[in-house]
């Protein structure tokens, strides 16, 4: 019996967390070999994450990113694991659209267009006004840009992944202009994400960047995915409530881990 799509997504999400988590550590060490390894690790992590979104809903895949920042604290670890298990158990099954045109219909629905407009407006405000004045002192500026663009990255990559999956199943989506539009959006968003994530890591302590970024990115990604792909459509209130509780438990575990972990020593003068 083959693996279910959700289980494939979980396995890939966990692998992605391991790669991305190691890249955070290697980057902040500042070692020459570590820098090269960190780049490779984050690339492999993002590839695994990309494939995970093909098979499972973002509501399931994104919260499992908490596994990349588990370091210390028994209570925090248990909270992250319990929350992740609850999410896995109650996660909705993926409803794969039959063509990229169906995805385009989801992307152009009024509710999602409002979300996109609000997201881009917030990003512009952060880049043009808040970054010059507060970028070096307030971590929420850089990570806000990363998280907002990241939510658009996820839905775009998920659309591309579905198009690739349909193409491999014999229903080619290459000729549709919507496929290339989603690809262009994904590239722009990923580049913007990496630029501002690097700025955050270069400016602030990684032990602060990691949990704050996780909480913001995960929350916005789930909101975007639920609006666009209707991940909760067809689920009863009990399952939705369980997923929200699981997500809150993961967030609580993340905060506990951040509070209890050892702080990075200051760089030598």
C-alpha atoms as a PDB file:
ATOM      1  CA  UNK A   1       0.000   0.000   0.000  1.00  0.00           C
ATOM      2  CA  UNK A   2       1.421   3.361  -1.011  1.00  0.00           C
ATOM      3  CA  UNK A   3       1.874   6.306   1.275  1.00  0.00           C
ATOM      4  CA  UNK A   4      -0.996   8.795   1.483  1.00  0.00           C
ATOM      5  CA  UNK A   5      -0.412  12.290   0.116  1.00  0.00           C
ATOM      6  CA  UNK A   6      -0.605  13.790   3.607  1.00  0.00           C
ATOM      7  CA  UNK A   7       2.004  11.339   4.929  1.00  0.00           C
ATOM      8  CA  UNK A   8       4.327  12.174   2.029  1.00  0.00           C
ATOM      9  CA  UNK A   9       3.882  15.843   2.857  1.00  0.00           C
ATOM     10  CA  UNK A  10       4.685  15.242   6.531  1.00  0.00           C
ATOM     11  CA  UNK A  11       7.892  13.324   5.721  1.00  0.00           C
ATOM     12  CA  UNK A  12       9.064  16.015   3.313  1.00  0.00           C
ATOM     13  CA  UNK A  13       8.171  18.808   5.749  1.00  0.00           C
ATOM     14  CA  UNK A  14      10.203  17.171   8.526  1.00  0.00           C
ATOM     15  CA  UNK A  15      13.166  16.731   6.161  1.00  0.00           C
ATOM     16  CA  UNK A  16      12.829  20.367   5.139  1.00  0.00           C
ATOM     17  CA  UNK A  17      12.840  21.464   8.777  1.00  0.00           C
ATOM     18  CA  UNK A  18      16.067  19.576   9.420  1.00  0.00           C
ATOM     19  CA  UNK A  19      17.839  21.191   6.471  1.00  0.00           C
ATOM     20  CA  UNK A  20      16.564  24.720   7.113  1.00  0.00           C
ATOM     21  CA  UNK A  21      17.239  24.512  10.841  1.00  0.00           C
ATOM     22  CA  UNK A  22      20.844  23.472  10.233  1.00  0.00           C
ATOM     23  CA  UNK A  23      21.261  26.305   7.728  1.00  0.00           C
ATOM     24  CA  UNK A  24      20.296  28.866  10.407  1.00  0.00           C
ATOM     25  CA  UNK A  25      23.000  27.526  12.707  1.00  0.00           C
ATOM     26  CA  UNK A  26      25.671  27.311  10.008  1.00  0.00           C
ATOM     27  CA  UNK A  27      24.984  30.808   8.750  1.00  0.00           C
ATOM     28  CA  UNK A  28      25.293  32.412  12.170  1.00  0.00           C
ATOM     29  CA  UNK A  29      28.543  30.557  12.926  1.00  0.00           C
ATOM     30  CA  UNK A  30      30.177  32.540  10.147  1.00  0.00           C
ATOM     31  CA  UNK A  31      32.563  29.739   9.227  1.00  0.00           C
ATOM     32  CA  UNK A  32      33.702  29.524   5.640  1.00  0.00           C
ATOM     33  CA  UNK A  33      32.753  25.900   5.278  1.00  0.00           C
ATOM     34  CA  UNK A  34      29.639  26.476   7.325  1.00  0.00           C
ATOM     35  CA  UNK A  35      28.512  29.267   5.020  1.00  0.00           C
ATOM     36  CA  UNK A  36      28.733  27.041   1.985  1.00  0.00           C
ATOM     37  CA  UNK A  37      27.037  24.182   3.830  1.00  0.00           C
ATOM     38  CA  UNK A  38      24.328  26.535   5.068  1.00  0.00           C
ATOM     39  CA  UNK A  39      23.448  27.610   1.545  1.00  0.00           C
ATOM     40  CA  UNK A  40      23.246  23.980   0.421  1.00  0.00           C
ATOM     41  CA  UNK A  41      21.158  23.067   3.460  1.00  0.00           C
ATOM     42  CA  UNK A  42      18.604  25.825   2.959  1.00  0.00           C
ATOM     43  CA  UNK A  43      18.322  25.012  -0.776  1.00  0.00           C
ATOM     44  CA  UNK A  44      17.701  21.327  -0.009  1.00  0.00           C
ATOM     45  CA  UNK A  45      15.252  22.333   2.710  1.00  0.00           C
ATOM     46  CA  UNK A  46      13.276  24.596   0.402  1.00  0.00           C
ATOM     47  CA  UNK A  47      13.168  21.895  -2.288  1.00  0.00           C
ATOM     48  CA  UNK A  48      11.768  19.402   0.227  1.00  0.00           C
ATOM     49  CA  UNK A  49       9.297  22.026   1.411  1.00  0.00           C
ATOM     50  CA  UNK A  50       8.284  22.742  -2.187  1.00  0.00           C
ATOM     51  CA  UNK A  51       7.498  19.075  -2.851  1.00  0.00           C
ATOM     52  CA  UNK A  52       5.693  18.765   0.499  1.00  0.00           C
ATOM     53  CA  UNK A  53       3.225  21.474  -0.539  1.00  0.00           C
ATOM     54  CA  UNK A  54       2.353  19.443  -3.634  1.00  0.00           C
ATOM     55  CA  UNK A  55       1.073  16.540  -1.557  1.00  0.00           C
ATOM     56  CA  UNK A  56      -0.396  18.127   1.572  1.00  0.00           C
ATOM     57  CA  UNK A  57      -2.264  21.292   2.581  1.00  0.00           C
ATOM     58  CA  UNK A  58      -0.304  24.241   3.957  1.00  0.00           C
ATOM     59  CA  UNK A  59      -2.348  23.890   7.158  1.00  0.00           C
ATOM     60  CA  UNK A  60      -0.490  20.588   7.682  1.00  0.00           C
ATOM     61  CA  UNK A  61       2.960  21.309   6.201  1.00  0.00           C
ATOM     62  CA  UNK A  62       3.735  24.790   7.514  1.00  0.00           C
ATOM     63  CA  UNK A  63       3.323  24.202  11.293  1.00  0.00           C
ATOM     64  CA  UNK A  64       5.758  21.272  11.092  1.00  0.00           C
ATOM     65  CA  UNK A  65       8.466  23.871  10.513  1.00  0.00           C
ATOM     66  CA  UNK A  66       8.560  24.130  14.309  1.00  0.00           C
ATOM     67  CA  UNK A  67      10.638  20.952  14.272  1.00  0.00           C
ATOM     68  CA  UNK A  68      13.541  22.965  12.806  1.00  0.00           C
ATOM     69  CA  UNK A  69      13.902  25.083  15.960  1.00  0.00           C
ATOM     70  CA  UNK A  70      13.584  22.414  18.666  1.00  0.00           C
ATOM     71  CA  UNK A  71      16.786  22.643  20.733  1.00  0.00           C
ATOM     72  CA  UNK A  72      16.217  22.788  24.489  1.00  0.00           C
ATOM     73  CA  UNK A  73      13.392  22.603  27.018  1.00  0.00           C
ATOM     74  CA  UNK A  74      11.434  19.419  27.693  1.00  0.00           C
ATOM     75  CA  UNK A  75       8.099  21.224  27.960  1.00  0.00           C
ATOM     76  CA  UNK A  76       8.727  23.173  24.769  1.00  0.00           C
ATOM     77  CA  UNK A  77       9.706  20.044  22.851  1.00  0.00           C
ATOM     78  CA  UNK A  78       6.681  18.121  24.103  1.00  0.00           C
ATOM     79  CA  UNK A  79       4.381  21.026  23.210  1.00  0.00           C
ATOM     80  CA  UNK A  80       5.777  21.229  19.664  1.00  0.00           C
ATOM     81  CA  UNK A  81       5.471  17.469  19.172  1.00  0.00           C
ATOM     82  CA  UNK A  82       1.967  17.207  20.662  1.00  0.00           C
ATOM     83  CA  UNK A  83       0.751  20.196  18.645  1.00  0.00           C
ATOM     84  CA  UNK A  84       2.223  18.773  15.447  1.00  0.00           C
ATOM     85  CA  UNK A  85       0.618  15.365  16.076  1.00  0.00           C
ATOM     86  CA  UNK A  86      -2.785  16.986  16.671  1.00  0.00           C
ATOM     87  CA  UNK A  87      -2.447  18.923  13.411  1.00  0.00           C
ATOM     88  CA  UNK A  88      -1.441  15.781  11.498  1.00  0.00           C
ATOM     89  CA  UNK A  89      -4.385  13.808  12.876  1.00  0.00           C
ATOM     90  CA  UNK A  90      -6.980  16.457  12.069  1.00  0.00           C
ATOM     91  CA  UNK A  91      -5.444  17.892   8.870  1.00  0.00           C
ATOM     92  CA  UNK A  92      -7.754  18.015   5.856  1.00  0.00           C
ATOM     93  CA  UNK A  93      -7.148  15.835   2.833  1.00  0.00           C
ATOM     94  CA  UNK A  94      -5.795  17.658  -0.186  1.00  0.00           C
ATOM     95  CA  UNK A  95      -8.301  18.474  -2.922  1.00  0.00           C
ATOM     96  CA  UNK A  96      -6.180  18.723  -6.078  1.00  0.00           C
ATOM     97  CA  UNK A  97      -7.624  21.063  -8.751  1.00  0.00           C
ATOM     98  CA  UNK A  98      -8.065  19.512 -12.175  1.00  0.00           C
ATOM     99  CA  UNK A  99      -6.079  22.234 -14.004  1.00  0.00           C
ATOM    100  CA  UNK A 100      -4.034  25.363 -13.426  1.00  0.00           C
ATOM    101  CA  UNK A 101      -7.078  27.312 -14.613  1.00  0.00           C
ATOM    102  CA  UNK A 102      -8.955  26.029 -11.578  1.00  0.00           C
ATOM    103  CA  UNK A 103      -6.105  27.319  -9.400  1.00  0.00           C
ATOM    104  CA  UNK A 104      -6.324  30.661 -11.180  1.00  0.00           C
ATOM    105  CA  UNK A 105     -10.036  30.799 -10.344  1.00  0.00           C
ATOM    106  CA  UNK A 106      -9.142  30.282  -6.675  1.00  0.00           C
ATOM    107  CA  UNK A 107      -6.422  32.957  -6.879  1.00  0.00           C
ATOM    108  CA  UNK A 108      -8.768  35.548  -8.387  1.00  0.00           C
ATOM    109  CA  UNK A 109     -11.646  35.107  -5.957  1.00  0.00           C
ATOM    110  CA  UNK A 110     -12.476  38.412  -4.205  1.00  0.00           C
ATOM    111  CA  UNK A 111     -11.445  37.253  -0.722  1.00  0.00           C
ATOM    112  CA  UNK A 112      -7.957  36.251  -1.830  1.00  0.00           C
ATOM    113  CA  UNK A 113      -7.510  39.375  -3.954  1.00  0.00           C
ATOM    114  CA  UNK A 114      -8.263  41.453  -0.853  1.00  0.00           C
ATOM    115  CA  UNK A 115      -5.617  39.457   1.060  1.00  0.00           C
ATOM    116  CA  UNK A 116      -3.046  40.003  -1.716  1.00  0.00           C
ATOM    117  CA  UNK A 117      -3.789  43.734  -1.876  1.00  0.00           C
ATOM    118  CA  UNK A 118      -3.475  44.073   1.908  1.00  0.00           C
ATOM    119  CA  UNK A 119      -0.246  42.050   1.914  1.00  0.00           C
ATOM    120  CA  UNK A 120       1.434  44.072  -0.839  1.00  0.00           C
ATOM    121  CA  UNK A 121       0.335  47.343   0.753  1.00  0.00           C
ATOM    122  CA  UNK A 122       1.845  46.271   4.080  1.00  0.00           C
ATOM    123  CA  UNK A 123       5.088  45.192   2.390  1.00  0.00           C
ATOM    124  CA  UNK A 124       5.400  48.516   0.566  1.00  0.00           C
ATOM    125  CA  UNK A 125       4.801  50.420   3.796  1.00  0.00           C
ATOM    126  CA  UNK A 126       7.433  48.357   5.611  1.00  0.00           C
ATOM    127  CA  UNK A 127      10.013  48.717   2.821  1.00  0.00           C
ATOM    128  CA  UNK A 128       9.499  52.392   2.022  1.00  0.00           C
ATOM    129  CA  UNK A 129       8.736  53.884   5.429  1.00  0.00           C
ATOM    130  CA  UNK A 130       9.563  51.583   8.323  1.00  0.00           C
ATOM    131  CA  UNK A 131      12.777  49.936   7.086  1.00  0.00           C
ATOM    132  CA  UNK A 132      14.807  53.190   6.747  1.00  0.00           C
ATOM    133  CA  UNK A 133      13.776  54.339  10.235  1.00  0.00           C
ATOM    134  CA  UNK A 134      13.347  51.151  12.272  1.00  0.00           C
ATOM    135  CA  UNK A 135      14.899  48.300  10.289  1.00  0.00           C
ATOM    136  CA  UNK A 136      18.063  48.161  12.390  1.00  0.00           C
ATOM    137  CA  UNK A 137      16.268  48.321  15.724  1.00  0.00           C
ATOM    138  CA  UNK A 138      12.934  46.522  15.329  1.00  0.00           C
ATOM    139  CA  UNK A 139      13.031  42.859  14.282  1.00  0.00           C
ATOM    140  CA  UNK A 140       9.387  42.947  13.154  1.00  0.00           C
ATOM    141  CA  UNK A 141      10.244  45.112  10.142  1.00  0.00           C
ATOM    142  CA  UNK A 142      12.492  42.628   8.325  1.00  0.00           C
ATOM    143  CA  UNK A 143      10.558  39.583   9.477  1.00  0.00           C
ATOM    144  CA  UNK A 144       7.247  41.213   8.626  1.00  0.00           C
ATOM    145  CA  UNK A 145       8.407  41.612   5.026  1.00  0.00           C
ATOM    146  CA  UNK A 146       9.697  38.015   4.969  1.00  0.00           C
ATOM    147  CA  UNK A 147       6.506  36.582   6.411  1.00  0.00           C
ATOM    148  CA  UNK A 148       4.101  38.551   4.236  1.00  0.00           C
ATOM    149  CA  UNK A 149       5.992  37.679   1.051  1.00  0.00           C
ATOM    150  CA  UNK A 150       6.426  34.138   2.333  1.00  0.00           C
ATOM    151  CA  UNK A 151       2.694  33.596   2.500  1.00  0.00           C
ATOM    152  CA  UNK A 152       2.445  34.527  -1.188  1.00  0.00           C
ATOM    153  CA  UNK A 153       5.460  32.326  -1.920  1.00  0.00           C
ATOM    154  CA  UNK A 154       3.747  29.286  -0.444  1.00  0.00           C
ATOM    155  CA  UNK A 155       0.487  29.646  -2.363  1.00  0.00           C
ATOM    156  CA  UNK A 156       2.403  30.336  -5.608  1.00  0.00           C
ATOM    157  CA  UNK A 157       4.720  27.356  -5.127  1.00  0.00           C
ATOM    158  CA  UNK A 158       1.753  25.188  -4.247  1.00  0.00           C
ATOM    159  CA  UNK A 159       0.074  26.252  -7.509  1.00  0.00           C
ATOM    160  CA  UNK A 160       3.253  25.440  -9.463  1.00  0.00           C
ATOM    161  CA  UNK A 161       3.584  22.115  -7.671  1.00  0.00           C
ATOM    162  CA  UNK A 162       0.024  21.143  -8.544  1.00  0.00           C
ATOM    163  CA  UNK A 163       0.662  22.139 -12.186  1.00  0.00           C
ATOM    164  CA  UNK A 164       3.790  19.946 -12.235  1.00  0.00           C
ATOM    165  CA  UNK A 165       1.922  17.052 -10.648  1.00  0.00           C
ATOM    166  CA  UNK A 166      -0.884  17.310 -13.218  1.00  0.00           C
ATOM    167  CA  UNK A 167       1.665  17.531 -16.047  1.00  0.00           C
ATOM    168  CA  UNK A 168       3.411  14.375 -14.846  1.00  0.00           C
ATOM    169  CA  UNK A 169       0.018  12.663 -14.719  1.00  0.00           C
ATOM    170  CA  UNK A 170      -0.399  13.373 -18.427  1.00  0.00           C
ATOM    171  CA  UNK A 171      -2.369  16.626 -18.283  1.00  0.00           C
ATOM    172  CA  UNK A 172       0.181  19.174 -19.453  1.00  0.00           C
ATOM    173  CA  UNK A 173      -0.149  22.626 -17.871  1.00  0.00           C
ATOM    174  CA  UNK A 174       2.896  24.191 -19.535  1.00  0.00           C
ATOM    175  CA  UNK A 175       0.946  25.961 -22.259  1.00  0.00           C
ATOM    176  CA  UNK A 176      -1.217  27.876 -19.791  1.00  0.00           C
ATOM    177  CA  UNK A 177       0.015  31.448 -19.137  1.00  0.00           C
ATOM    178  CA  UNK A 178      -1.219  31.128 -15.550  1.00  0.00           C
ATOM    179  CA  UNK A 179       1.498  28.545 -14.869  1.00  0.00           C
ATOM    180  CA  UNK A 180       4.227  31.002 -15.850  1.00  0.00           C
ATOM    181  CA  UNK A 181       2.544  33.780 -13.912  1.00  0.00           C
ATOM    182  CA  UNK A 182       2.631  31.707 -10.723  1.00  0.00           C
ATOM    183  CA  UNK A 183       6.269  30.823 -11.435  1.00  0.00           C
ATOM    184  CA  UNK A 184       7.208  34.497 -11.849  1.00  0.00           C
ATOM    185  CA  UNK A 185       5.429  35.456  -8.627  1.00  0.00           C
ATOM    186  CA  UNK A 186       7.152  32.634  -6.749  1.00  0.00           C
ATOM    187  CA  UNK A 187      10.625  33.677  -7.950  1.00  0.00           C
ATOM    188  CA  UNK A 188      10.065  37.326  -6.994  1.00  0.00           C
ATOM    189  CA  UNK A 189       8.687  36.395  -3.578  1.00  0.00           C
ATOM    190  CA  UNK A 190      11.464  33.896  -2.803  1.00  0.00           C
ATOM    191  CA  UNK A 191      14.202  36.379  -3.709  1.00  0.00           C
ATOM    192  CA  UNK A 192      12.573  39.087  -1.568  1.00  0.00           C
ATOM    193  CA  UNK A 193      12.181  36.642   1.306  1.00  0.00           C
ATOM    194  CA  UNK A 194      15.823  35.582   1.243  1.00  0.00           C
ATOM    195  CA  UNK A 195      17.082  39.162   1.029  1.00  0.00           C
ATOM    196  CA  UNK A 196      15.196  40.312   4.105  1.00  0.00           C
ATOM    197  CA  UNK A 197      15.726  37.087   6.047  1.00  0.00           C
ATOM    198  CA  UNK A 198      19.472  37.526   5.556  1.00  0.00           C
ATOM    199  CA  UNK A 199      19.171  41.127   6.737  1.00  0.00           C
ATOM    200  CA  UNK A 200      17.348  39.946   9.854  1.00  0.00           C
ATOM    201  CA  UNK A 201      19.958  37.263  10.575  1.00  0.00           C
ATOM    202  CA  UNK A 202      22.798  39.719  10.022  1.00  0.00           C
ATOM    203  CA  UNK A 203      21.219  42.328  12.299  1.00  0.00           C
ATOM    204  CA  UNK A 204      19.595  40.333  15.111  1.00  0.00           C
ATOM    205  CA  UNK A 205      20.328  37.252  17.194  1.00  0.00           C
ATOM    206  CA  UNK A 206      19.339  34.001  15.454  1.00  0.00           C
ATOM    207  CA  UNK A 207      17.721  32.728  18.662  1.00  0.00           C
ATOM    208  CA  UNK A 208      15.284  35.622  18.353  1.00  0.00           C
ATOM    209  CA  UNK A 209      14.888  35.592  14.573  1.00  0.00           C
ATOM    210  CA  UNK A 210      13.986  31.911  14.321  1.00  0.00           C
ATOM    211  CA  UNK A 211      10.922  31.733  16.617  1.00  0.00           C
ATOM    212  CA  UNK A 212       9.546  35.159  15.694  1.00  0.00           C
ATOM    213  CA  UNK A 213       9.862  34.403  11.984  1.00  0.00           C
ATOM    214  CA  UNK A 214       8.285  30.984  12.453  1.00  0.00           C
ATOM    215  CA  UNK A 215       5.260  32.358  14.292  1.00  0.00           C
ATOM    216  CA  UNK A 216       4.658  35.189  11.809  1.00  0.00           C
ATOM    217  CA  UNK A 217       5.329  33.154   8.675  1.00  0.00           C
ATOM    218  CA  UNK A 218       3.231  30.174   9.774  1.00  0.00           C
ATOM    219  CA  UNK A 219       0.257  32.289  10.818  1.00  0.00           C
ATOM    220  CA  UNK A 220       0.171  34.304   7.592  1.00  0.00           C
ATOM    221  CA  UNK A 221       0.750  31.232   5.413  1.00  0.00           C
ATOM    222  CA  UNK A 222      -2.131  29.350   6.984  1.00  0.00           C
ATOM    223  CA  UNK A 223      -4.403  32.370   6.567  1.00  0.00           C
ATOM    224  CA  UNK A 224      -3.443  32.737   2.889  1.00  0.00           C
ATOM    225  CA  UNK A 225      -3.853  29.027   2.188  1.00  0.00           C
ATOM    226  CA  UNK A 226      -7.204  28.788   3.947  1.00  0.00           C
ATOM    227  CA  UNK A 227      -8.508  31.769   1.975  1.00  0.00           C
ATOM    228  CA  UNK A 228      -7.206  30.664  -1.430  1.00  0.00           C
ATOM    229  CA  UNK A 229      -7.397  26.860  -1.335  1.00  0.00           C
ATOM    230  CA  UNK A 230     -10.265  26.596   1.156  1.00  0.00           C
ATOM    231  CA  UNK A 231      -8.308  24.036   3.183  1.00  0.00           C
ATOM    232  CA  UNK A 232     -11.017  23.994   5.855  1.00  0.00           C
ATOM    233  CA  UNK A 233     -13.876  23.615   3.399  1.00  0.00           C
ATOM    234  CA  UNK A 234     -15.875  20.513   4.247  1.00  0.00           C
ATOM    235  CA  UNK A 235     -14.307  20.055   7.682  1.00  0.00           C
ATOM    236  CA  UNK A 236     -16.484  20.100  10.751  1.00  0.00           C
ATOM    237  CA  UNK A 237     -16.039  22.609  13.548  1.00  0.00           C
ATOM    238  CA  UNK A 238     -14.405  19.991  15.780  1.00  0.00           C
ATOM    239  CA  UNK A 239     -11.563  19.287  13.352  1.00  0.00           C
ATOM    240  CA  UNK A 240     -10.968  22.977  12.687  1.00  0.00           C
ATOM    241  CA  UNK A 241     -10.918  23.717  16.423  1.00  0.00           C
ATOM    242  CA  UNK A 242      -8.463  20.837  16.976  1.00  0.00           C
ATOM    243  CA  UNK A 243      -6.140  22.154  14.270  1.00  0.00           C
ATOM    244  CA  UNK A 244      -6.232  25.647  15.775  1.00  0.00           C
ATOM    245  CA  UNK A 245      -5.520  24.240  19.235  1.00  0.00           C
ATOM    246  CA  UNK A 246      -2.662  22.176  17.816  1.00  0.00           C
ATOM    247  CA  UNK A 247      -1.247  25.246  16.117  1.00  0.00           C
ATOM    248  CA  UNK A 248      -1.489  27.294  19.331  1.00  0.00           C
ATOM    249  CA  UNK A 249       0.232  24.445  21.196  1.00  0.00           C
ATOM    250  CA  UNK A 250       3.082  24.471  18.679  1.00  0.00           C
ATOM    251  CA  UNK A 251       3.412  28.246  19.010  1.00  0.00           C
ATOM    252  CA  UNK A 252       3.466  27.928  22.801  1.00  0.00           C
ATOM    253  CA  UNK A 253       6.180  25.297  22.581  1.00  0.00           C
ATOM    254  CA  UNK A 254       8.184  27.523  20.264  1.00  0.00           C
ATOM    255  CA  UNK A 255       7.992  30.428  22.711  1.00  0.00           C
ATOM    256  CA  UNK A 256       8.976  28.178  25.618  1.00  0.00           C
ATOM    257  CA  UNK A 257      11.961  26.876  23.672  1.00  0.00           C
ATOM    258  CA  UNK A 258      13.027  30.416  22.887  1.00  0.00           C
ATOM    259  CA  UNK A 259      12.747  31.493  26.519  1.00  0.00           C
ATOM    260  CA  UNK A 260      14.603  28.485  27.937  1.00  0.00           C
ATOM    261  CA  UNK A 261      17.360  28.082  25.372  1.00  0.00           C
ATOM    262  CA  UNK A 262      20.816  29.494  25.976  1.00  0.00           C
ATOM    263  CA  UNK A 263      21.427  32.863  24.394  1.00  0.00           C
ATOM    264  CA  UNK A 264      24.121  33.202  21.746  1.00  0.00           C
ATOM    265  CA  UNK A 265      27.324  34.742  23.139  1.00  0.00           C
ATOM    266  CA  UNK A 266      28.028  38.247  21.801  1.00  0.00           C
ATOM    267  CA  UNK A 267      30.506  38.390  18.902  1.00  0.00           C
ATOM    268  CA  UNK A 268      34.097  39.172  19.902  1.00  0.00           C
ATOM    269  CA  UNK A 269      35.140  42.815  19.416  1.00  0.00           C
END
